[in-house]
Amino acid sequence: MTVERALRLMAGLVVLLSLALAHYVSIYWLWLTAFVGLNLLQSAFTNWCPAMAIFRAMGMKDSGGSCCGGR
């Protein structure tokens, strides 16, 4: 799995989890959804995200810039 795919997977899971928690536990969990959205927005402009650094430290590789994951 590449860093880019792992990032999309993590962001999607966190958004869905926070929506479920907002529905069943507390509406304040929507702040987590907002945080993920803002982080993705800033990463679109800066090309830097803390999660990407963590995934790289875990040994995941970048896709190499191709749209098809280097295939």
PDB file of N, CA and C in Angstrom:
ATOM      1  N   MET A   1       0.852  -1.178   0.000  1.00  0.00           N
ATOM      2  CA  MET A   1       0.000   0.000   0.000  1.00  0.00           C
ATOM      3  C   MET A   1       0.893   1.235   0.000  1.00  0.00           C
ATOM      4  N   THR A   2       0.509   2.215  -0.777  1.00  0.00           N
ATOM      5  CA  THR A   2       1.298   3.442  -0.849  1.00  0.00           C
ATOM      6  C   THR A   2       0.836   4.437   0.216  1.00  0.00           C
ATOM      7  N   VAL A   3       1.678   5.442   0.440  1.00  0.00           N
ATOM      8  CA  VAL A   3       1.373   6.485   1.415  1.00  0.00           C
ATOM      9  C   VAL A   3       0.076   7.193   1.030  1.00  0.00           C
ATOM     10  N   GLU A   4      -0.085   7.487  -0.248  1.00  0.00           N
ATOM     11  CA  GLU A   4      -1.271   8.225  -0.703  1.00  0.00           C
ATOM     12  C   GLU A   4      -2.550   7.429  -0.478  1.00  0.00           C
ATOM     13  N   ARG A   5      -2.500   6.143  -0.769  1.00  0.00           N
ATOM     14  CA  ARG A   5      -3.688   5.300  -0.539  1.00  0.00           C
ATOM     15  C   ARG A   5      -3.992   5.150   0.948  1.00  0.00           C
ATOM     16  N   ALA A   6      -2.952   4.985   1.741  1.00  0.00           N
ATOM     17  CA  ALA A   6      -3.138   4.858   3.187  1.00  0.00           C
ATOM     18  C   ALA A   6      -3.747   6.136   3.761  1.00  0.00           C
ATOM     19  N   LEU A   7      -3.309   7.273   3.249  1.00  0.00           N
ATOM     20  CA  LEU A   7      -3.848   8.549   3.716  1.00  0.00           C
ATOM     21  C   LEU A   7      -5.336   8.662   3.391  1.00  0.00           C
ATOM     22  N   ARG A   8      -5.708   8.324   2.169  1.00  0.00           N
ATOM     23  CA  ARG A   8      -7.136   8.369   1.794  1.00  0.00           C
ATOM     24  C   ARG A   8      -7.960   7.400   2.625  1.00  0.00           C
ATOM     25  N   LEU A   9      -7.414   6.202   2.853  1.00  0.00           N
ATOM     26  CA  LEU A   9      -8.110   5.202   3.666  1.00  0.00           C
ATOM     27  C   LEU A   9      -8.309   5.701   5.088  1.00  0.00           C
ATOM     28  N   MET A  10      -7.251   6.232   5.686  1.00  0.00           N
ATOM     29  CA  MET A  10      -7.349   6.722   7.063  1.00  0.00           C
ATOM     30  C   MET A  10      -8.329   7.882   7.168  1.00  0.00           C
ATOM     31  N   ALA A  11      -8.247   8.844   6.237  1.00  0.00           N
ATOM     32  CA  ALA A  11      -9.145   9.995   6.285  1.00  0.00           C
ATOM     33  C   ALA A  11     -10.598   9.553   6.147  1.00  0.00           C
ATOM     34  N   GLY A  12     -10.873   8.661   5.228  1.00  0.00           N
ATOM     35  CA  GLY A  12     -12.241   8.168   5.055  1.00  0.00           C
ATOM     36  C   GLY A  12     -12.760   7.443   6.282  1.00  0.00           C
ATOM     37  N   LEU A  13     -11.916   6.611   6.870  1.00  0.00           N
ATOM     38  CA  LEU A  13     -12.335   5.884   8.071  1.00  0.00           C
ATOM     39  C   LEU A  13     -12.582   6.820   9.251  1.00  0.00           C
ATOM     40  N   VAL A  14     -11.730   7.811   9.424  1.00  0.00           N
ATOM     41  CA  VAL A  14     -11.900   8.749  10.542  1.00  0.00           C
ATOM     42  C   VAL A  14     -13.176   9.578  10.349  1.00  0.00           C
ATOM     43  N   VAL A  15     -13.445   9.995   9.122  1.00  0.00           N
ATOM     44  CA  VAL A  15     -14.678  10.756   8.869  1.00  0.00           C
ATOM     45  C   VAL A  15     -15.903   9.897   9.159  1.00  0.00           C
ATOM     46  N   LEU A  16     -15.920   8.672   8.663  1.00  0.00           N
ATOM     47  CA  LEU A  16     -17.072   7.803   8.918  1.00  0.00           C
ATOM     48  C   LEU A  16     -17.222   7.476  10.403  1.00  0.00           C
ATOM     49  N   LEU A  17     -16.100   7.235  11.075  1.00  0.00           N
ATOM     50  CA  LEU A  17     -16.152   6.965  12.509  1.00  0.00           C
ATOM     51  C   LEU A  17     -16.687   8.167  13.277  1.00  0.00           C
ATOM     52  N   SER A  18     -16.221   9.359  12.939  1.00  0.00           N
ATOM     53  CA  SER A  18     -16.682  10.544  13.660  1.00  0.00           C
ATOM     54  C   SER A  18     -18.153  10.826  13.380  1.00  0.00           C
ATOM     55  N   LEU A  19     -18.618  10.535  12.174  1.00  0.00           N
ATOM     56  CA  LEU A  19     -20.050  10.697  11.891  1.00  0.00           C
ATOM     57  C   LEU A  19     -20.886   9.720  12.712  1.00  0.00           C
ATOM     58  N   ALA A  20     -20.424   8.478  12.820  1.00  0.00           N
ATOM     59  CA  ALA A  20     -21.146   7.495  13.638  1.00  0.00           C
ATOM     60  C   ALA A  20     -21.137   7.909  15.109  1.00  0.00           C
ATOM     61  N   LEU A  21     -19.993   8.374  15.594  1.00  0.00           N
ATOM     62  CA  LEU A  21     -19.917   8.818  16.990  1.00  0.00           C
ATOM     63  C   LEU A  21     -20.787  10.049  17.229  1.00  0.00           C
ATOM     64  N   ALA A  22     -20.862  10.942  16.254  1.00  0.00           N
ATOM     65  CA  ALA A  22     -21.722  12.121  16.391  1.00  0.00           C
ATOM     66  C   ALA A  22     -23.188  11.707  16.458  1.00  0.00           C
ATOM     67  N   HIS A  23     -23.552  10.690  15.716  1.00  0.00           N
ATOM     68  CA  HIS A  23     -24.942  10.235  15.709  1.00  0.00           C
ATOM     69  C   HIS A  23     -25.311   9.514  17.009  1.00  0.00           C
ATOM     70  N   TYR A  24     -24.413   8.647  17.481  1.00  0.00           N
ATOM     71  CA  TYR A  24     -24.745   7.795  18.622  1.00  0.00           C
ATOM     72  C   TYR A  24     -24.258   8.318  19.979  1.00  0.00           C
ATOM     73  N   VAL A  25     -23.237   9.170  19.997  1.00  0.00           N
ATOM     74  CA  VAL A  25     -22.645   9.575  21.274  1.00  0.00           C
ATOM     75  C   VAL A  25     -22.861  11.065  21.533  1.00  0.00           C
ATOM     76  N   SER A  26     -22.230  11.915  20.711  1.00  0.00           N
ATOM     77  CA  SER A  26     -22.310  13.357  20.940  1.00  0.00           C
ATOM     78  C   SER A  26     -22.067  14.094  19.633  1.00  0.00           C
ATOM     79  N   ILE A  27     -22.814  15.147  19.431  1.00  0.00           N
ATOM     80  CA  ILE A  27     -22.686  15.952  18.225  1.00  0.00           C
ATOM     81  C   ILE A  27     -21.301  16.596  18.122  1.00  0.00           C
ATOM     82  N   TYR A  28     -20.611  16.720  19.239  1.00  0.00           N
ATOM     83  CA  TYR A  28     -19.284  17.335  19.245  1.00  0.00           C
ATOM     84  C   TYR A  28     -18.227  16.530  18.487  1.00  0.00           C
ATOM     85  N   TRP A  29     -18.519  15.264  18.177  1.00  0.00           N
ATOM     86  CA  TRP A  29     -17.601  14.466  17.371  1.00  0.00           C
ATOM     87  C   TRP A  29     -17.480  15.007  15.956  1.00  0.00           C
ATOM     88  N   LEU A  30     -18.392  15.869  15.535  1.00  0.00           N
ATOM     89  CA  LEU A  30     -18.286  16.469  14.199  1.00  0.00           C
ATOM     90  C   LEU A  30     -17.065  17.385  14.088  1.00  0.00           C
ATOM     91  N   TRP A  31     -16.528  17.837  15.223  1.00  0.00           N
ATOM     92  CA  TRP A  31     -15.298  18.619  15.198  1.00  0.00           C
ATOM     93  C   TRP A  31     -14.146  17.792  14.629  1.00  0.00           C
ATOM     94  N   LEU A  32     -14.151  16.490  14.867  1.00  0.00           N
ATOM     95  CA  LEU A  32     -13.118  15.625  14.297  1.00  0.00           C
ATOM     96  C   LEU A  32     -13.251  15.576  12.775  1.00  0.00           C
ATOM     97  N   THR A  33     -14.469  15.512  12.276  1.00  0.00           N
ATOM     98  CA  THR A  33     -14.696  15.549  10.836  1.00  0.00           C
ATOM     99  C   THR A  33     -14.187  16.860  10.256  1.00  0.00           C
ATOM    100  N   ALA A  34     -14.470  17.962  10.935  1.00  0.00           N
ATOM    101  CA  ALA A  34     -13.998  19.269  10.466  1.00  0.00           C
ATOM    102  C   ALA A  34     -12.473  19.322  10.471  1.00  0.00           C
ATOM    103  N   PHE A  35     -11.845  18.763  11.495  1.00  0.00           N
ATOM    104  CA  PHE A  35     -10.384  18.741  11.556  1.00  0.00           C
ATOM    105  C   PHE A  35      -9.783  17.968  10.385  1.00  0.00           C
ATOM    106  N   VAL A  36     -10.352  16.811  10.088  1.00  0.00           N
ATOM    107  CA  VAL A  36      -9.855  16.006   8.969  1.00  0.00           C
ATOM    108  C   VAL A  36     -10.020  16.773   7.655  1.00  0.00           C
ATOM    109  N   GLY A  37     -11.168  17.402   7.476  1.00  0.00           N
ATOM    110  CA  GLY A  37     -11.395  18.181   6.264  1.00  0.00           C
ATOM    111  C   GLY A  37     -10.425  19.337   6.118  1.00  0.00           C
ATOM    112  N   LEU A  38     -10.187  20.059   7.202  1.00  0.00           N
ATOM    113  CA  LEU A  38      -9.234  21.170   7.155  1.00  0.00           C
ATOM    114  C   LEU A  38      -7.809  20.682   6.900  1.00  0.00           C
ATOM    115  N   ASN A  39      -7.461  19.548   7.489  1.00  0.00           N
ATOM    116  CA  ASN A  39      -6.132  18.989   7.268  1.00  0.00           C
ATOM    117  C   ASN A  39      -5.962  18.583   5.811  1.00  0.00           C
ATOM    118  N   LEU A  40      -6.983  17.976   5.209  1.00  0.00           N
ATOM    119  CA  LEU A  40      -6.909  17.609   3.795  1.00  0.00           C
ATOM    120  C   LEU A  40      -6.833  18.849   2.913  1.00  0.00           C
ATOM    121  N   LEU A  41      -7.547  19.892   3.290  1.00  0.00           N
ATOM    122  CA  LEU A  41      -7.521  21.132   2.519  1.00  0.00           C
ATOM    123  C   LEU A  41      -6.129  21.762   2.550  1.00  0.00           C
ATOM    124  N   GLN A  42      -5.532  21.881   3.728  1.00  0.00           N
ATOM    125  CA  GLN A  42      -4.198  22.474   3.788  1.00  0.00           C
ATOM    126  C   GLN A  42      -3.183  21.580   3.102  1.00  0.00           C
ATOM    127  N   SER A  43      -3.357  20.278   3.151  1.00  0.00           N
ATOM    128  CA  SER A  43      -2.409  19.380   2.501  1.00  0.00           C
ATOM    129  C   SER A  43      -2.489  19.481   0.982  1.00  0.00           C
ATOM    130  N   ALA A  44      -3.627  19.873   0.455  1.00  0.00           N
ATOM    131  CA  ALA A  44      -3.747  20.075  -0.995  1.00  0.00           C
ATOM    132  C   ALA A  44      -2.885  21.244  -1.454  1.00  0.00           C
ATOM    133  N   PHE A  45      -2.700  22.234  -0.599  1.00  0.00           N
ATOM    134  CA  PHE A  45      -1.904  23.407  -0.962  1.00  0.00           C
ATOM    135  C   PHE A  45      -0.432  23.264  -0.585  1.00  0.00           C
ATOM    136  N   THR A  46      -0.143  22.557   0.511  1.00  0.00           N
ATOM    137  CA  THR A  46       1.233  22.467   0.992  1.00  0.00           C
ATOM    138  C   THR A  46       1.914  21.155   0.629  1.00  0.00           C
ATOM    139  N   ASN A  47       1.124  20.158   0.218  1.00  0.00           N
ATOM    140  CA  ASN A  47       1.636  18.811  -0.070  1.00  0.00           C
ATOM    141  C   ASN A  47       2.324  18.213   1.154  1.00  0.00           C
ATOM    142  N   TRP A  48       1.871  18.571   2.336  1.00  0.00           N
ATOM    143  CA  TRP A  48       2.399  18.016   3.568  1.00  0.00           C
ATOM    144  C   TRP A  48       1.250  17.682   4.507  1.00  0.00           C
ATOM    145  N   CYS A  49       1.316  16.515   5.089  1.00  0.00           N
ATOM    146  CA  CYS A  49       0.313  16.077   6.051  1.00  0.00           C
ATOM    147  C   CYS A  49       1.044  15.265   7.120  1.00  0.00           C
ATOM    148  N   PRO A  50       0.747  15.487   8.391  1.00  0.00           N
ATOM    149  CA  PRO A  50       1.428  14.721   9.444  1.00  0.00           C
ATOM    150  C   PRO A  50       1.269  13.213   9.279  1.00  0.00           C
ATOM    151  N   ALA A  51       0.114  12.773   8.825  1.00  0.00           N
ATOM    152  CA  ALA A  51      -0.107  11.336   8.657  1.00  0.00           C
ATOM    153  C   ALA A  51       0.817  10.753   7.591  1.00  0.00           C
ATOM    154  N   MET A  52       1.121  11.532   6.552  1.00  0.00           N
ATOM    155  CA  MET A  52       2.020  11.036   5.512  1.00  0.00           C
ATOM    156  C   MET A  52       3.419  10.796   6.079  1.00  0.00           C
ATOM    157  N   ALA A  53       3.872  11.675   6.954  1.00  0.00           N
ATOM    158  CA  ALA A  53       5.181  11.486   7.588  1.00  0.00           C
ATOM    159  C   ALA A  53       5.185  10.224   8.446  1.00  0.00           C
ATOM    160  N   ILE A  54       4.084   9.974   9.140  1.00  0.00           N
ATOM    161  CA  ILE A  54       3.972   8.775   9.974  1.00  0.00           C
ATOM    162  C   ILE A  54       3.969   7.521   9.105  1.00  0.00           C
ATOM    163  N   PHE A  55       3.205   7.547   8.006  1.00  0.00           N
ATOM    164  CA  PHE A  55       3.158   6.384   7.116  1.00  0.00           C
ATOM    165  C   PHE A  55       4.523   6.109   6.493  1.00  0.00           C
ATOM    166  N   ARG A  56       5.240   7.170   6.117  1.00  0.00           N
ATOM    167  CA  ARG A  56       6.592   6.983   5.566  1.00  0.00           C
ATOM    168  C   ARG A  56       7.528   6.398   6.622  1.00  0.00           C
ATOM    169  N   ALA A  57       7.392   6.851   7.865  1.00  0.00           N
ATOM    170  CA  ALA A  57       8.216   6.308   8.946  1.00  0.00           C
ATOM    171  C   ALA A  57       7.901   4.836   9.202  1.00  0.00           C
ATOM    172  N   MET A  58       6.682   4.429   8.886  1.00  0.00           N
ATOM    173  CA  MET A  58       6.289   3.027   9.030  1.00  0.00           C
ATOM    174  C   MET A  58       6.808   2.173   7.879  1.00  0.00           C
ATOM    175  N   GLY A  59       7.419   2.822   6.877  1.00  0.00           N
ATOM    176  CA  GLY A  59       8.016   2.067   5.779  1.00  0.00           C
ATOM    177  C   GLY A  59       7.202   2.034   4.499  1.00  0.00           C
ATOM    178  N   MET A  60       6.095   2.746   4.454  1.00  0.00           N
ATOM    179  CA  MET A  60       5.298   2.764   3.226  1.00  0.00           C
ATOM    180  C   MET A  60       5.991   3.619   2.174  1.00  0.00           C
ATOM    181  N   LYS A  61       5.802   3.247   0.929  1.00  0.00           N
ATOM    182  CA  LYS A  61       6.441   3.945  -0.191  1.00  0.00           C
ATOM    183  C   LYS A  61       5.471   4.923  -0.833  1.00  0.00           C
ATOM    184  N   ASP A  62       6.023   5.973  -1.447  1.00  0.00           N
ATOM    185  CA  ASP A  62       5.220   6.901  -2.234  1.00  0.00           C
ATOM    186  C   ASP A  62       4.859   6.236  -3.557  1.00  0.00           C
ATOM    187  N   SER A  63       3.811   6.750  -4.188  1.00  0.00           N
ATOM    188  CA  SER A  63       3.383   6.179  -5.458  1.00  0.00           C
ATOM    189  C   SER A  63       4.315   6.542  -6.595  1.00  0.00           C
ATOM    190  N   GLY A  64       5.185   7.491  -6.401  1.00  0.00           N
ATOM    191  CA  GLY A  64       6.123   7.870  -7.447  1.00  0.00           C
ATOM    192  C   GLY A  64       5.567   8.914  -8.389  1.00  0.00           C
ATOM    193  N   GLY A  65       4.442   9.506  -8.043  1.00  0.00           N
ATOM    194  CA  GLY A  65       3.885  10.589  -8.843  1.00  0.00           C
ATOM    195  C   GLY A  65       2.993  10.167  -9.982  1.00  0.00           C
ATOM    196  N   SER A  66       2.869   8.868 -10.228  1.00  0.00           N
ATOM    197  CA  SER A  66       1.991   8.458 -11.334  1.00  0.00           C
ATOM    198  C   SER A  66       0.566   8.316 -10.827  1.00  0.00           C
ATOM    199  N   CYS A  67      -0.363   8.484 -11.714  1.00  0.00           N
ATOM    200  CA  CYS A  67      -1.770   8.414 -11.317  1.00  0.00           C
ATOM    201  C   CYS A  67      -2.215   6.984 -11.044  1.00  0.00           C
ATOM    202  N   CYS A  68      -1.445   6.013 -11.456  1.00  0.00           N
ATOM    203  CA  CYS A  68      -1.851   4.617 -11.323  1.00  0.00           C
ATOM    204  C   CYS A  68      -1.042   3.866 -10.277  1.00  0.00           C
ATOM    205  N   GLY A  69      -0.408   4.570  -9.369  1.00  0.00           N
ATOM    206  CA  GLY A  69       0.337   3.936  -8.306  1.00  0.00           C
ATOM    207  C   GLY A  69       1.623   3.273  -8.761  1.00  0.00           C
ATOM    208  N   GLY A  70       2.190   3.746  -9.885  1.00  0.00           N
ATOM    209  CA  GLY A  70       3.464   3.223 -10.337  1.00  0.00           C
ATOM    210  C   GLY A  70       3.362   1.942 -11.132  1.00  0.00           C
ATOM    211  N   ARG A  71       2.177   1.600 -11.610  1.00  0.00           N
ATOM    212  CA  ARG A  71       2.016   0.361 -12.378  1.00  0.00           C
ATOM    213  C   ARG A  71       2.412   0.552 -13.798  1.00  0.00           C
TER     214      ARG A  71
END
